[in-house]
Amino acid sequence: MTPTIDFAAYLDSLANFGIEPSLAGVEALCQALGGPQQGLRAIQITGTNGKTSTARMTADILAAHGLTTGVYTSPHLESYTERILINGQPIGDEDFEALGRDVRTAVPAAERTLDPSGARRITQFEVLTAAALKAFADAGVDAAIVEVGMGGR
């Protein structure tokens, strides 16, 4: 059995790095993870209110047509795992920890890419976004429905 890294505690520790409204961090992290976003068919949901409801309804419509879906929303109510859904179900704890190992291993390379001096740190939202994209790629979803963050593109 692989020891747990307690991905949730790691994510909590990243809250200190604030918000970075650009794609640079998530792009660097995805590159360090091997590009899990490449080849994903995605629907991006943006706006002020109703994103989670819209994302879940979109996933339900696609599922009714036989497609497998991944949904990434924010924030969570009780657990980080509820932000990443595969076919309507929150990602399991073991899969969440496995994602955490992969993403956490990639963070130093991503941070070096962003800023060799180490001043720019990967944020919690960037880590969660990259983790969700990797989860969707690993699961082979037909469609990823993704809430975008501030300045999302």
Protein backbone atom coordinates (compact mmCIF):
# COMPACT_ATOMS: atom_id res chain seq x y z
CA MET A 1 0.00 0.00 0.00
CA THR A 2 1.27 3.45 -0.95
CA PRO A 3 1.50 5.88 1.96
CA THR A 4 -0.95 8.77 1.86
CA ILE A 5 0.31 12.29 1.32
CA ASP A 6 -2.89 13.86 2.62
CA PHE A 7 -3.54 15.84 -0.53
CA ALA A 8 -6.24 17.88 1.23
CA ALA A 9 -3.74 19.15 3.82
CA TYR A 10 -1.31 20.02 1.03
CA LEU A 11 -4.07 21.95 -0.78
CA ASP A 12 -4.92 23.80 2.43
CA SER A 13 -1.28 24.86 2.72
CA LEU A 14 -1.43 26.43 -0.75
CA ALA A 15 -4.23 28.83 0.21
CA ASN A 16 -1.51 31.20 1.44
CA PHE A 17 -0.34 31.78 -2.13
CA GLY A 18 -3.49 33.69 -3.05
CA ILE A 19 -5.06 34.01 -6.48
CA GLU A 20 -3.21 34.41 -9.76
CA PRO A 21 -5.63 35.39 -12.54
CA SER A 22 -3.63 34.03 -15.46
CA LEU A 23 -3.16 30.72 -17.23
CA ALA A 24 0.61 30.63 -16.75
CA GLY A 25 0.60 28.47 -13.62
CA VAL A 26 -1.91 25.88 -14.76
CA GLU A 27 -0.21 25.72 -18.18
CA ALA A 28 3.19 25.11 -16.55
CA LEU A 29 1.73 22.50 -14.21
CA CYS A 30 -0.12 20.70 -17.01
CA GLN A 31 3.08 20.70 -19.07
CA ALA A 32 4.95 19.13 -16.13
CA LEU A 33 2.17 16.50 -15.91
CA GLY A 34 2.55 15.58 -19.58
CA GLY A 35 -0.33 17.63 -20.97
CA PRO A 36 -3.46 15.94 -19.60
CA GLN A 37 -5.61 18.69 -21.15
CA GLN A 38 -4.49 17.74 -24.65
CA GLY A 39 -7.23 15.84 -26.42
CA LEU A 40 -9.90 16.57 -23.81
CA ARG A 41 -13.18 17.75 -25.25
CA ALA A 42 -14.17 20.50 -22.85
CA ILE A 43 -17.06 22.80 -22.13
CA GLN A 44 -16.04 25.81 -20.09
CA ILE A 45 -18.57 27.41 -17.78
CA THR A 46 -17.99 31.00 -16.73
CA GLY A 47 -19.97 33.74 -15.06
CA THR A 48 -20.84 35.11 -11.66
CA ASN A 49 -23.68 32.87 -10.49
CA GLY A 50 -25.00 29.43 -11.34
CA LYS A 51 -21.84 27.85 -12.71
CA THR A 52 -22.06 24.66 -10.65
CA SER A 53 -25.73 24.10 -11.48
CA THR A 54 -25.05 24.75 -15.15
CA ALA A 55 -22.06 22.40 -15.14
CA ARG A 56 -24.02 19.60 -13.51
CA MET A 57 -27.04 20.03 -15.80
CA THR A 58 -24.73 19.99 -18.82
CA ALA A 59 -23.13 16.78 -17.56
CA ASP A 60 -26.56 15.23 -17.01
CA ILE A 61 -27.63 16.07 -20.57
CA LEU A 62 -24.45 14.57 -22.00
CA ALA A 63 -24.77 11.48 -19.80
CA ALA A 64 -28.35 11.00 -21.02
CA HIS A 65 -26.84 10.73 -24.50
CA GLY A 66 -24.40 8.03 -23.37
CA LEU A 67 -21.29 10.14 -22.87
CA THR A 68 -18.94 9.81 -19.92
CA THR A 69 -18.37 13.12 -18.19
CA GLY A 70 -15.99 14.86 -15.87
CA VAL A 71 -17.09 17.95 -13.95
CA TYR A 72 -14.80 20.38 -12.15
CA THR A 73 -16.42 22.97 -9.89
CA SER A 74 -15.44 25.32 -7.12
CA PRO A 75 -15.71 25.80 -4.22
CA HIS A 76 -16.52 22.68 -2.24
CA LEU A 77 -18.84 22.39 0.74
CA GLU A 78 -17.25 19.55 2.72
CA SER A 79 -14.38 17.96 0.80
CA TYR A 80 -12.06 18.74 -2.08
CA THR A 81 -13.13 15.46 -3.70
CA GLU A 82 -16.58 16.87 -4.47
CA ARG A 83 -14.98 19.37 -6.87
CA ILE A 84 -13.97 16.56 -9.26
CA LEU A 85 -16.83 14.40 -10.51
CA ILE A 86 -16.57 11.48 -12.92
CA ASN A 87 -19.94 10.38 -14.26
CA GLY A 88 -21.67 12.36 -11.52
CA GLN A 89 -19.71 10.81 -8.65
CA PRO A 90 -17.03 12.55 -6.56
CA ILE A 91 -13.58 11.18 -7.14
CA GLY A 92 -12.74 8.49 -4.59
CA ASP A 93 -10.29 9.12 -1.76
CA GLU A 94 -7.68 6.70 -3.14
CA ASP A 95 -7.84 8.23 -6.61
CA PHE A 96 -7.68 11.70 -5.06
CA GLU A 97 -4.52 10.80 -3.14
CA ALA A 98 -2.96 9.25 -6.28
CA LEU A 99 -3.67 12.47 -8.17
CA GLY A 100 -2.12 14.36 -5.30
CA ARG A 101 1.10 12.35 -5.56
CA ASP A 102 1.32 13.00 -9.30
CA VAL A 103 0.50 16.70 -9.13
CA ARG A 104 2.62 17.42 -6.08
CA THR A 105 5.60 15.78 -7.81
CA ALA A 106 5.09 18.07 -10.83
CA VAL A 107 4.78 21.34 -8.87
CA PRO A 108 8.53 22.07 -8.46
CA ALA A 109 9.17 21.78 -12.21
CA ALA A 110 6.18 24.00 -12.94
CA GLU A 111 7.37 26.62 -10.45
CA ARG A 112 10.87 26.60 -11.97
CA THR A 113 9.29 27.15 -15.40
CA LEU A 114 7.22 30.07 -14.10
CA ASP A 115 9.98 31.79 -12.18
CA PRO A 116 13.48 30.36 -11.71
CA SER A 117 13.94 32.65 -8.69
CA GLY A 118 11.14 30.82 -6.87
CA ALA A 119 9.07 33.94 -6.23
CA ARG A 120 6.00 32.71 -8.17
CA ARG A 121 4.34 29.76 -6.48
CA ILE A 122 1.66 27.50 -7.86
CA THR A 123 -1.71 28.30 -6.27
CA GLN A 124 -4.30 26.01 -4.75
CA PHE A 125 -6.73 26.63 -7.63
CA GLU A 126 -4.02 25.83 -10.20
CA VAL A 127 -3.19 22.55 -8.44
CA LEU A 128 -6.85 21.55 -8.25
CA THR A 129 -7.48 22.48 -11.87
CA ALA A 130 -4.51 20.45 -13.10
CA ALA A 131 -5.57 17.54 -10.87
CA ALA A 132 -9.07 17.61 -12.35
CA LEU A 133 -7.75 17.68 -15.91
CA LYS A 134 -5.47 14.74 -15.15
CA ALA A 135 -8.34 12.83 -13.53
CA PHE A 136 -10.48 13.39 -16.62
CA ALA A 137 -7.69 12.32 -18.97
CA ASP A 138 -6.94 9.23 -16.87
CA ALA A 139 -10.65 8.30 -16.83
CA GLY A 140 -10.98 8.86 -20.58
CA VAL A 141 -14.07 11.04 -20.25
CA ASP A 142 -15.90 11.99 -23.43
CA ALA A 143 -16.48 15.53 -22.17
CA ALA A 144 -14.96 17.62 -19.41
CA ILE A 145 -17.21 20.35 -18.03
CA VAL A 146 -14.97 22.85 -16.31
CA GLU A 147 -15.75 25.96 -14.30
CA VAL A 148 -13.17 28.57 -15.11
CA GLY A 149 -11.56 30.82 -12.52
CA MET A 150 -10.98 34.55 -12.43
CA GLY A 151 -10.02 35.74 -15.89
CA GLY A 152 -10.80 32.25 -17.19
CA ARG A 153 -10.22 31.49 -20.82
